[in-house]
mmCIF file of all heavy atoms, coordinates in Angstrom:
data_MODEL
# 
_entry.id   MODEL 
# 
loop_
_atom_site.group_PDB 
_atom_site.id 
_atom_site.type_symbol 
_atom_site.label_atom_id 
_atom_site.label_alt_id 
_atom_site.label_comp_id 
_atom_site.label_asym_id 
_atom_site.label_entity_id 
_atom_site.label_seq_id 
_atom_site.pdbx_PDB_ins_code 
_atom_site.Cartn_x 
_atom_site.Cartn_y 
_atom_site.Cartn_z 
_atom_site.occupancy 
_atom_site.B_iso_or_equiv 
_atom_site.pdbx_formal_charge 
_atom_site.auth_seq_id 
_atom_site.auth_comp_id 
_atom_site.auth_asym_id 
_atom_site.auth_atom_id 
_atom_site.pdbx_PDB_model_num 
ATOM 1   N N   . SER A 1 1  ? -49.588 -5.149  -130.127 1.00 0.00 ? 1  SER A N   1 
ATOM 2   C CA  . SER A 1 1  ? -50.043 -4.071  -129.232 1.00 0.00 ? 1  SER A CA  1 
ATOM 3   C C   . SER A 1 1  ? -51.290 -4.487  -128.466 1.00 0.00 ? 1  SER A C   1 
ATOM 4   O O   . SER A 1 1  ? -51.442 -4.173  -127.279 1.00 0.00 ? 1  SER A O   1 
ATOM 5   C CB  . SER A 1 1  ? -50.321 -2.803  -130.045 1.00 0.00 ? 1  SER A CB  1 
ATOM 6   O OG  . SER A 1 1  ? -49.143 -2.306  -130.624 1.00 0.00 ? 1  SER A OG  1 
ATOM 7   N N   . ARG A 1 2  ? -52.180 -5.207  -129.137 1.00 0.00 ? 2  ARG A N   1 
ATOM 8   C CA  . ARG A 1 2  ? -53.395 -5.666  -128.472 1.00 0.00 ? 2  ARG A CA  1 
ATOM 9   C C   . ARG A 1 2  ? -53.065 -6.659  -127.366 1.00 0.00 ? 2  ARG A C   1 
ATOM 10  O O   . ARG A 1 2  ? -53.628 -6.582  -126.263 1.00 0.00 ? 2  ARG A O   1 
ATOM 11  C CB  . ARG A 1 2  ? -54.328 -6.297  -129.495 1.00 0.00 ? 2  ARG A CB  1 
ATOM 12  C CG  . ARG A 1 2  ? -55.641 -6.794  -128.910 1.00 0.00 ? 2  ARG A CG  1 
ATOM 13  C CD  . ARG A 1 2  ? -56.542 -7.341  -129.990 1.00 0.00 ? 2  ARG A CD  1 
ATOM 14  N NE  . ARG A 1 2  ? -57.807 -7.818  -129.437 1.00 0.00 ? 2  ARG A NE  1 
ATOM 15  C CZ  . ARG A 1 2  ? -58.784 -8.339  -130.165 1.00 0.00 ? 2  ARG A CZ  1 
ATOM 16  N NH1 . ARG A 1 2  ? -58.648 -8.436  -131.487 1.00 0.00 ? 2  ARG A NH1 1 
ATOM 17  N NH2 . ARG A 1 2  ? -59.895 -8.755  -129.586 1.00 0.00 ? 2  ARG A NH2 1 
ATOM 18  N N   . GLN A 1 3  ? -52.177 -7.586  -127.644 1.00 0.00 ? 3  GLN A N   1 
ATOM 19  C CA  . GLN A 1 3  ? -51.784 -8.560  -126.618 1.00 0.00 ? 3  GLN A CA  1 
ATOM 20  C C   . GLN A 1 3  ? -51.046 -7.885  -125.473 1.00 0.00 ? 3  GLN A C   1 
ATOM 21  O O   . GLN A 1 3  ? -51.242 -8.235  -124.300 1.00 0.00 ? 3  GLN A O   1 
ATOM 22  C CB  . GLN A 1 3  ? -50.911 -9.645  -127.247 1.00 0.00 ? 3  GLN A CB  1 
ATOM 23  C CG  . GLN A 1 3  ? -51.655 -10.563 -128.201 1.00 0.00 ? 3  GLN A CG  1 
ATOM 24  C CD  . GLN A 1 3  ? -50.724 -11.508 -128.943 1.00 0.00 ? 3  GLN A CD  1 
ATOM 25  O OE1 . GLN A 1 3  ? -49.624 -11.109 -129.358 1.00 0.00 ? 3  GLN A OE1 1 
ATOM 26  N NE2 . GLN A 1 3  ? -51.148 -12.750 -129.097 1.00 0.00 ? 3  GLN A NE2 1 
ATOM 27  N N   . LEU A 1 4  ? -50.201 -6.919  -125.805 1.00 0.00 ? 4  LEU A N   1 
ATOM 28  C CA  . LEU A 1 4  ? -49.502 -6.166  -124.764 1.00 0.00 ? 4  LEU A CA  1 
ATOM 29  C C   . LEU A 1 4  ? -50.490 -5.484  -123.843 1.00 0.00 ? 4  LEU A C   1 
ATOM 30  O O   . LEU A 1 4  ? -50.343 -5.505  -122.602 1.00 0.00 ? 4  LEU A O   1 
ATOM 31  C CB  . LEU A 1 4  ? -48.587 -5.127  -125.419 1.00 0.00 ? 4  LEU A CB  1 
ATOM 32  C CG  . LEU A 1 4  ? -47.967 -4.065  -124.501 1.00 0.00 ? 4  LEU A CG  1 
ATOM 33  C CD1 . LEU A 1 4  ? -47.046 -4.707  -123.475 1.00 0.00 ? 4  LEU A CD1 1 
ATOM 34  C CD2 . LEU A 1 4  ? -47.221 -3.016  -125.329 1.00 0.00 ? 4  LEU A CD2 1 
ATOM 35  N N   . LEU A 1 5  ? -51.532 -4.903  -124.436 1.00 0.00 ? 5  LEU A N   1 
ATOM 36  C CA  . LEU A 1 5  ? -52.524 -4.180  -123.647 1.00 0.00 ? 5  LEU A CA  1 
ATOM 37  C C   . LEU A 1 5  ? -53.353 -5.119  -122.777 1.00 0.00 ? 5  LEU A C   1 
ATOM 38  O O   . LEU A 1 5  ? -53.523 -4.891  -121.575 1.00 0.00 ? 5  LEU A O   1 
ATOM 39  C CB  . LEU A 1 5  ? -53.433 -3.385  -124.582 1.00 0.00 ? 5  LEU A CB  1 
ATOM 40  C CG  . LEU A 1 5  ? -54.541 -2.558  -123.939 1.00 0.00 ? 5  LEU A CG  1 
ATOM 41  C CD1 . LEU A 1 5  ? -53.963 -1.491  -123.033 1.00 0.00 ? 5  LEU A CD1 1 
ATOM 42  C CD2 . LEU A 1 5  ? -55.419 -1.931  -125.005 1.00 0.00 ? 5  LEU A CD2 1 
ATOM 43  N N   . THR A 1 6  ? -53.880 -6.177  -123.377 1.00 0.00 ? 6  THR A N   1 
ATOM 44  C CA  . THR A 1 6  ? -54.827 -7.038  -122.669 1.00 0.00 ? 6  THR A CA  1 
ATOM 45  C C   . THR A 1 6  ? -54.157 -8.029  -121.723 1.00 0.00 ? 6  THR A C   1 
ATOM 46  O O   . THR A 1 6  ? -54.754 -8.398  -120.694 1.00 0.00 ? 6  THR A O   1 
ATOM 47  C CB  . THR A 1 6  ? -55.691 -7.812  -123.679 1.00 0.00 ? 6  THR A CB  1 
ATOM 48  O OG1 . THR A 1 6  ? -54.838 -8.589  -124.548 1.00 0.00 ? 6  THR A OG1 1 
ATOM 49  C CG2 . THR A 1 6  ? -56.527 -6.858  -124.519 1.00 0.00 ? 6  THR A CG2 1 
ATOM 50  N N   . LEU A 1 7  ? -52.943 -8.471  -122.041 1.00 0.00 ? 7  LEU A N   1 
ATOM 51  C CA  . LEU A 1 7  ? -52.296 -9.512  -121.248 1.00 0.00 ? 7  LEU A CA  1 
ATOM 52  C C   . LEU A 1 7  ? -51.290 -8.976  -120.226 1.00 0.00 ? 7  LEU A C   1 
ATOM 53  O O   . LEU A 1 7  ? -51.056 -9.605  -119.192 1.00 0.00 ? 7  LEU A O   1 
ATOM 54  C CB  . LEU A 1 7  ? -51.582 -10.515 -122.164 1.00 0.00 ? 7  LEU A CB  1 
ATOM 55  C CG  . LEU A 1 7  ? -52.480 -11.260 -123.167 1.00 0.00 ? 7  LEU A CG  1 
ATOM 56  C CD1 . LEU A 1 7  ? -51.640 -12.163 -124.048 1.00 0.00 ? 7  LEU A CD1 1 
ATOM 57  C CD2 . LEU A 1 7  ? -53.556 -12.054 -122.446 1.00 0.00 ? 7  LEU A CD2 1 
ATOM 58  N N   . VAL A 1 8  ? -50.703 -7.824  -120.534 1.00 0.00 ? 8  VAL A N   1 
ATOM 59  C CA  . VAL A 1 8  ? -49.635 -7.312  -119.677 1.00 0.00 ? 8  VAL A CA  1 
ATOM 60  C C   . VAL A 1 8  ? -50.054 -6.046  -118.930 1.00 0.00 ? 8  VAL A C   1 
ATOM 61  O O   . VAL A 1 8  ? -49.955 -5.966  -117.698 1.00 0.00 ? 8  VAL A O   1 
ATOM 62  C CB  . VAL A 1 8  ? -48.360 -7.030  -120.501 1.00 0.00 ? 8  VAL A CB  1 
ATOM 63  C CG1 . VAL A 1 8  ? -47.257 -6.468  -119.604 1.00 0.00 ? 8  VAL A CG1 1 
ATOM 64  C CG2 . VAL A 1 8  ? -47.887 -8.301  -121.193 1.00 0.00 ? 8  VAL A CG2 1 
ATOM 65  N N   . LEU A 1 9  ? -50.535 -5.051  -119.671 1.00 0.00 ? 9  LEU A N   1 
ATOM 66  C CA  . LEU A 1 9  ? -50.763 -3.737  -119.080 1.00 0.00 ? 9  LEU A CA  1 
ATOM 67  C C   . LEU A 1 9  ? -52.072 -3.643  -118.310 1.00 0.00 ? 9  LEU A C   1 
ATOM 68  O O   . LEU A 1 9  ? -52.093 -3.260  -117.134 1.00 0.00 ? 9  LEU A O   1 
ATOM 69  C CB  . LEU A 1 9  ? -50.721 -2.665  -120.176 1.00 0.00 ? 9  LEU A CB  1 
ATOM 70  C CG  . LEU A 1 9  ? -49.411 -2.546  -120.965 1.00 0.00 ? 9  LEU A CG  1 
ATOM 71  C CD1 . LEU A 1 9  ? -49.561 -1.521  -122.082 1.00 0.00 ? 9  LEU A CD1 1 
ATOM 72  C CD2 . LEU A 1 9  ? -48.273 -2.162  -120.039 1.00 0.00 ? 9  LEU A CD2 1 
ATOM 73  N N   . TRP A 1 10 ? -53.185 -3.962  -118.972 1.00 0.00 ? 10 TRP A N   1 
ATOM 74  C CA  . TRP A 1 10 ? -54.485 -3.699  -118.378 1.00 0.00 ? 10 TRP A CA  1 
ATOM 75  C C   . TRP A 1 10 ? -54.729 -4.432  -117.060 1.00 0.00 ? 10 TRP A C   1 
ATOM 76  O O   . TRP A 1 10 ? -55.274 -3.829  -116.123 1.00 0.00 ? 10 TRP A O   1 
ATOM 77  C CB  . TRP A 1 10 ? -55.605 -4.002  -119.373 1.00 0.00 ? 10 TRP A CB  1 
ATOM 78  C CG  . TRP A 1 10 ? -56.954 -3.782  -118.786 1.00 0.00 ? 10 TRP A CG  1 
ATOM 79  C CD1 . TRP A 1 10 ? -57.915 -4.714  -118.516 1.00 0.00 ? 10 TRP A CD1 1 
ATOM 80  C CD2 . TRP A 1 10 ? -57.507 -2.529  -118.333 1.00 0.00 ? 10 TRP A CD2 1 
ATOM 81  N NE1 . TRP A 1 10 ? -59.020 -4.138  -117.948 1.00 0.00 ? 10 TRP A NE1 1 
ATOM 82  C CE2 . TRP A 1 10 ? -58.794 -2.795  -117.826 1.00 0.00 ? 10 TRP A CE2 1 
ATOM 83  C CE3 . TRP A 1 10 ? -57.021 -1.219  -118.320 1.00 0.00 ? 10 TRP A CE3 1 
ATOM 84  C CZ2 . TRP A 1 10 ? -59.607 -1.802  -117.308 1.00 0.00 ? 10 TRP A CZ2 1 
ATOM 85  C CZ3 . TRP A 1 10 ? -57.834 -0.220  -117.792 1.00 0.00 ? 10 TRP A CZ3 1 
ATOM 86  C CH2 . TRP A 1 10 ? -59.108 -0.511  -117.299 1.00 0.00 ? 10 TRP A CH2 1 
ATOM 87  N N   . PRO A 1 11 ? -54.376 -5.708  -116.924 1.00 0.00 ? 11 PRO A N   1 
ATOM 88  C CA  . PRO A 1 11 ? -54.603 -6.351  -115.613 1.00 0.00 ? 11 PRO A CA  1 
ATOM 89  C C   . PRO A 1 11 ? -53.934 -5.620  -114.457 1.00 0.00 ? 11 PRO A C   1 
ATOM 90  O O   . PRO A 1 11 ? -54.494 -5.527  -113.360 1.00 0.00 ? 11 PRO A O   1 
ATOM 91  C CB  . PRO A 1 11 ? -54.003 -7.758  -115.809 1.00 0.00 ? 11 PRO A CB  1 
ATOM 92  C CG  . PRO A 1 11 ? -54.096 -7.997  -117.284 1.00 0.00 ? 11 PRO A CG  1 
ATOM 93  C CD  . PRO A 1 11 ? -53.837 -6.661  -117.910 1.00 0.00 ? 11 PRO A CD  1 
ATOM 94  N N   . GLN A 1 12 ? -52.743 -5.088  -114.695 1.00 0.00 ? 12 GLN A N   1 
ATOM 95  C CA  . GLN A 1 12 ? -52.048 -4.360  -113.638 1.00 0.00 ? 12 GLN A CA  1 
ATOM 96  C C   . GLN A 1 12 ? -52.687 -2.997  -113.393 1.00 0.00 ? 12 GLN A C   1 
ATOM 97  O O   . GLN A 1 12 ? -52.857 -2.574  -112.240 1.00 0.00 ? 12 GLN A O   1 
ATOM 98  C CB  . GLN A 1 12 ? -50.577 -4.167  -114.012 1.00 0.00 ? 12 GLN A CB  1 
ATOM 99  C CG  . GLN A 1 12 ? -49.806 -5.462  -114.182 1.00 0.00 ? 12 GLN A CG  1 
ATOM 100 C CD  . GLN A 1 12 ? -48.375 -5.191  -114.553 1.00 0.00 ? 12 GLN A CD  1 
ATOM 101 O OE1 . GLN A 1 12 ? -47.556 -4.783  -113.727 1.00 0.00 ? 12 GLN A OE1 1 
ATOM 102 N NE2 . GLN A 1 12 ? -48.044 -5.414  -115.820 1.00 0.00 ? 12 GLN A NE2 1 
ATOM 103 N N   . VAL A 1 13 ? -53.046 -2.307  -114.470 1.00 0.00 ? 13 VAL A N   1 
ATOM 104 C CA  . VAL A 1 13 ? -53.659 -0.980  -114.335 1.00 0.00 ? 13 VAL A CA  1 
ATOM 105 C C   . VAL A 1 13 ? -54.997 -1.082  -113.617 1.00 0.00 ? 13 VAL A C   1 
ATOM 106 O O   . VAL A 1 13 ? -55.311 -0.277  -112.726 1.00 0.00 ? 13 VAL A O   1 
ATOM 107 C CB  . VAL A 1 13 ? -53.838 -0.334  -115.722 1.00 0.00 ? 13 VAL A CB  1 
ATOM 108 C CG1 . VAL A 1 13 ? -54.669 0.950   -115.623 1.00 0.00 ? 13 VAL A CG1 1 
ATOM 109 C CG2 . VAL A 1 13 ? -52.481 -0.022  -116.347 1.00 0.00 ? 13 VAL A CG2 1 
ATOM 110 N N   . TRP A 1 14 ? -55.806 -2.071  -113.980 1.00 0.00 ? 14 TRP A N   1 
ATOM 111 C CA  . TRP A 1 14 ? -57.107 -2.256  -113.335 1.00 0.00 ? 14 TRP A CA  1 
ATOM 112 C C   . TRP A 1 14 ? -56.956 -2.427  -111.830 1.00 0.00 ? 14 TRP A C   1 
ATOM 113 O O   . TRP A 1 14 ? -57.665 -1.806  -111.050 1.00 0.00 ? 14 TRP A O   1 
ATOM 114 C CB  . TRP A 1 14 ? -57.808 -3.463  -113.944 1.00 0.00 ? 14 TRP A CB  1 
ATOM 115 C CG  . TRP A 1 14 ? -58.953 -3.968  -113.128 1.00 0.00 ? 14 TRP A CG  1 
ATOM 116 C CD1 . TRP A 1 14 ? -58.973 -5.054  -112.307 1.00 0.00 ? 14 TRP A CD1 1 
ATOM 117 C CD2 . TRP A 1 14 ? -60.259 -3.383  -113.027 1.00 0.00 ? 14 TRP A CD2 1 
ATOM 118 N NE1 . TRP A 1 14 ? -60.198 -5.198  -111.712 1.00 0.00 ? 14 TRP A NE1 1 
ATOM 119 C CE2 . TRP A 1 14 ? -61.014 -4.193  -112.126 1.00 0.00 ? 14 TRP A CE2 1 
ATOM 120 C CE3 . TRP A 1 14 ? -60.864 -2.267  -113.608 1.00 0.00 ? 14 TRP A CE3 1 
ATOM 121 C CZ2 . TRP A 1 14 ? -62.336 -3.901  -111.807 1.00 0.00 ? 14 TRP A CZ2 1 
ATOM 122 C CZ3 . TRP A 1 14 ? -62.188 -1.990  -113.276 1.00 0.00 ? 14 TRP A CZ3 1 
ATOM 123 C CH2 . TRP A 1 14 ? -62.900 -2.796  -112.394 1.00 0.00 ? 14 TRP A CH2 1 
ATOM 124 N N   . GLN A 1 15 ? -56.024 -3.277  -111.423 1.00 0.00 ? 15 GLN A N   1 
ATOM 125 C CA  . GLN A 1 15 ? -55.849 -3.554  -110.005 1.00 0.00 ? 15 GLN A CA  1 
ATOM 126 C C   . GLN A 1 15 ? -55.271 -2.356  -109.257 1.00 0.00 ? 15 GLN A C   1 
ATOM 127 O O   . GLN A 1 15 ? -55.739 -2.002  -108.175 1.00 0.00 ? 15 GLN A O   1 
ATOM 128 C CB  . GLN A 1 15 ? -54.947 -4.765  -109.821 1.00 0.00 ? 15 GLN A CB  1 
ATOM 129 C CG  . GLN A 1 15 ? -54.834 -5.246  -108.381 1.00 0.00 ? 15 GLN A CG  1 
ATOM 130 C CD  . GLN A 1 15 ? -54.002 -6.497  -108.264 1.00 0.00 ? 15 GLN A CD  1 
ATOM 131 O OE1 . GLN A 1 15 ? -52.958 -6.610  -108.893 1.00 0.00 ? 15 GLN A OE1 1 
ATOM 132 N NE2 . GLN A 1 15 ? -54.455 -7.445  -107.463 1.00 0.00 ? 15 GLN A NE2 1 
ATOM 133 N N   . ARG A 1 16 ? -54.278 -1.709  -109.840 1.00 0.00 ? 16 ARG A N   1 
ATOM 134 C CA  . ARG A 1 16 ? -53.629 -0.590  -109.160 1.00 0.00 ? 16 ARG A CA  1 
ATOM 135 C C   . ARG A 1 16 ? -54.536 0.609   -109.013 1.00 0.00 ? 16 ARG A C   1 
ATOM 136 O O   . ARG A 1 16 ? -54.484 1.323   -108.012 1.00 0.00 ? 16 ARG A O   1 
ATOM 137 C CB  . ARG A 1 16 ? -52.370 -0.173  -109.930 1.00 0.00 ? 16 ARG A CB  1 
ATOM 138 C CG  . ARG A 1 16 ? -51.256 -1.191  -109.931 1.00 0.00 ? 16 ARG A CG  1 
ATOM 139 C CD  . ARG A 1 16 ? -50.051 -0.672  -110.692 1.00 0.00 ? 16 ARG A CD  1 
ATOM 140 N NE  . ARG A 1 16 ? -48.984 -1.667  -110.757 1.00 0.00 ? 16 ARG A NE  1 
ATOM 141 C CZ  . ARG A 1 16 ? -47.783 -1.439  -111.266 1.00 0.00 ? 16 ARG A CZ  1 
ATOM 142 N NH1 . ARG A 1 16 ? -47.481 -0.235  -111.743 1.00 0.00 ? 16 ARG A NH1 1 
ATOM 143 N NH2 . ARG A 1 16 ? -46.877 -2.392  -111.288 1.00 0.00 ? 16 ARG A NH2 1 
ATOM 144 N N   . GLN A 1 17 ? -55.376 0.848   -110.010 1.00 0.00 ? 17 GLN A N   1 
ATOM 145 C CA  . GLN A 1 17 ? -56.158 2.081   -110.033 1.00 0.00 ? 17 GLN A CA  1 
ATOM 146 C C   . GLN A 1 17 ? -57.589 1.898   -109.548 1.00 0.00 ? 17 GLN A C   1 
ATOM 147 O O   . GLN A 1 17 ? -58.371 2.854   -109.591 1.00 0.00 ? 17 GLN A O   1 
ATOM 148 C CB  . GLN A 1 17 ? -56.175 2.658   -111.454 1.00 0.00 ? 17 GLN A CB  1 
ATOM 149 C CG  . GLN A 1 17 ? -54.789 3.006   -111.996 1.00 0.00 ? 17 GLN A CG  1 
ATOM 150 C CD  . GLN A 1 17 ? -54.020 3.913   -111.062 1.00 0.00 ? 17 GLN A CD  1 
ATOM 151 O OE1 . GLN A 1 17 ? -53.080 3.487   -110.406 1.00 0.00 ? 17 GLN A OE1 1 
ATOM 152 N NE2 . GLN A 1 17 ? -54.433 5.166   -110.983 1.00 0.00 ? 17 GLN A NE2 1 
ATOM 153 N N   . LEU A 1 18 ? -57.941 0.724   -109.084 1.00 0.00 ? 18 LEU A N   1 
ATOM 154 C CA  . LEU A 1 18 ? -59.313 0.512   -108.627 1.00 0.00 ? 18 LEU A CA  1 
ATOM 155 C C   . LEU A 1 18 ? -59.726 1.465   -107.514 1.00 0.00 ? 18 LEU A C   1 
ATOM 156 O O   . LEU A 1 18 ? -60.829 2.030   -107.564 1.00 0.00 ? 18 LEU A O   1 
ATOM 157 C CB  . LEU A 1 18 ? -59.501 -0.943  -108.190 1.00 0.00 ? 18 LEU A CB  1 
ATOM 158 C CG  . LEU A 1 18 ? -60.911 -1.313  -107.717 1.00 0.00 ? 18 LEU A CG  1 
ATOM 159 C CD1 . LEU A 1 18 ? -61.944 -1.044  -108.812 1.00 0.00 ? 18 LEU A CD1 1 
ATOM 160 C CD2 . LEU A 1 18 ? -60.971 -2.776  -107.289 1.00 0.00 ? 18 LEU A CD2 1 
ATOM 161 N N   . PRO A 1 19 ? -58.912 1.699   -106.472 1.00 0.00 ? 19 PRO A N   1 
ATOM 162 C CA  . PRO A 1 19 ? -59.340 2.653   -105.432 1.00 0.00 ? 19 PRO A CA  1 
ATOM 163 C C   . PRO A 1 19 ? -59.602 4.053   -105.974 1.00 0.00 ? 19 PRO A C   1 
ATOM 164 O O   . PRO A 1 19 ? -60.606 4.690   -105.621 1.00 0.00 ? 19 PRO A O   1 
ATOM 165 C CB  . PRO A 1 19 ? -58.169 2.640   -104.439 1.00 0.00 ? 19 PRO A CB  1 
ATOM 166 C CG  . PRO A 1 19 ? -57.512 1.311   -104.642 1.00 0.00 ? 19 PRO A CG  1 
ATOM 167 C CD  . PRO A 1 19 ? -57.640 1.032   -106.105 1.00 0.00 ? 19 PRO A CD  1 
ATOM 168 N N   . ALA A 1 20 ? -58.706 4.541   -106.829 1.00 0.00 ? 20 ALA A N   1 
ATOM 169 C CA  . ALA A 1 20 ? -58.884 5.884   -107.384 1.00 0.00 ? 20 ALA A CA  1 
ATOM 170 C C   . ALA A 1 20 ? -60.098 5.933   -108.310 1.00 0.00 ? 20 ALA A C   1 
ATOM 171 O O   . ALA A 1 20 ? -60.852 6.917   -108.304 1.00 0.00 ? 20 ALA A O   1 
ATOM 172 C CB  . ALA A 1 20 ? -57.630 6.315   -108.143 1.00 0.00 ? 20 ALA A CB  1 
ATOM 173 N N   . ALA A 1 21 ? -60.311 4.877   -109.089 1.00 0.00 ? 21 ALA A N   1 
ATOM 174 C CA  . ALA A 1 21 ? -61.472 4.842   -109.983 1.00 0.00 ? 21 ALA A CA  1 
ATOM 175 C C   . ALA A 1 21 ? -62.761 4.786   -109.186 1.00 0.00 ? 21 ALA A C   1 
ATOM 176 O O   . ALA A 1 21 ? -63.758 5.442   -109.533 1.00 0.00 ? 21 ALA A O   1 
ATOM 177 C CB  . ALA A 1 21 ? -61.366 3.647   -110.929 1.00 0.00 ? 21 ALA A CB  1 
ATOM 178 N N   . ALA A 1 22 ? -62.785 4.008   -108.103 1.00 0.00 ? 22 ALA A N   1 
ATOM 179 C CA  . ALA A 1 22 ? -63.974 3.922   -107.256 1.00 0.00 ? 22 ALA A CA  1 
ATOM 180 C C   . ALA A 1 22 ? -64.295 5.274   -106.621 1.00 0.00 ? 22 ALA A C   1 
ATOM 181 O O   . ALA A 1 22 ? -65.462 5.686   -106.562 1.00 0.00 ? 22 ALA A O   1 
ATOM 182 C CB  . ALA A 1 22 ? -63.770 2.866   -106.178 1.00 0.00 ? 22 ALA A CB  1 
ATOM 183 N N   . ALA A 1 23 ? -63.265 5.968   -106.162 1.00 0.00 ? 23 ALA A N   1 
ATOM 184 C CA  . ALA A 1 23 ? -63.469 7.289   -105.569 1.00 0.00 ? 23 ALA A CA  1 
ATOM 185 C C   . ALA A 1 23 ? -64.019 8.272   -106.597 1.00 0.00 ? 23 ALA A C   1 
ATOM 186 O O   . ALA A 1 23 ? -64.889 9.094   -106.291 1.00 0.00 ? 23 ALA A O   1 
ATOM 187 C CB  . ALA A 1 23 ? -62.159 7.814   -104.982 1.00 0.00 ? 23 ALA A CB  1 
ATOM 188 N N   . THR A 1 24 ? -63.521 8.179   -107.826 1.00 0.00 ? 24 THR A N   1 
ATOM 189 C CA  . THR A 1 24 ? -64.010 9.056   -108.887 1.00 0.00 ? 24 THR A CA  1 
ATOM 190 C C   . THR A 1 24 ? -65.460 8.757   -109.209 1.00 0.00 ? 24 THR A C   1 
ATOM 191 O O   . THR A 1 24 ? -66.267 9.671   -109.431 1.00 0.00 ? 24 THR A O   1 
ATOM 192 C CB  . THR A 1 24 ? -63.146 8.894   -110.146 1.00 0.00 ? 24 THR A CB  1 
ATOM 193 O OG1 . THR A 1 24 ? -61.783 9.203   -109.835 1.00 0.00 ? 24 THR A OG1 1 
ATOM 194 C CG2 . THR A 1 24 ? -63.622 9.818   -111.263 1.00 0.00 ? 24 THR A CG2 1 
ATOM 195 N N   . GLY A 1 25 ? -65.829 7.479   -109.223 1.00 0.00 ? 25 GLY A N   1 
ATOM 196 C CA  . GLY A 1 25 ? -67.215 7.118   -109.471 1.00 0.00 ? 25 GLY A CA  1 
ATOM 197 C C   . GLY A 1 25 ? -68.147 7.650   -108.399 1.00 0.00 ? 25 GLY A C   1 
ATOM 198 O O   . GLY A 1 25 ? -69.228 8.172   -108.699 1.00 0.00 ? 25 GLY A O   1 
ATOM 199 N N   . CYS A 1 26 ? -67.739 7.523   -107.134 1.00 0.00 ? 26 CYS A N   1 
ATOM 200 C CA  . CYS A 1 26 ? -68.544 8.073   -106.028 1.00 0.00 ? 26 CYS A CA  1 
ATOM 201 C C   . CYS A 1 26 ? -68.674 9.582   -106.144 1.00 0.00 ? 26 CYS A C   1 
ATOM 202 O O   . CYS A 1 26 ? -69.746 10.152  -105.895 1.00 0.00 ? 26 CYS A O   1 
ATOM 203 C CB  . CYS A 1 26 ? -67.913 7.690   -104.690 1.00 0.00 ? 26 CYS A CB  1 
ATOM 204 S SG  . CYS A 1 26 ? -68.076 5.962   -104.241 1.00 0.00 ? 26 CYS A SG  1 
# 
């Protein structure tokens, strides 16, 4: 589960959601 999260899921989630996360931070 840890490898699935760090190697497969999180890199994609970070990139896809960066605009929405940045807007939320602002």
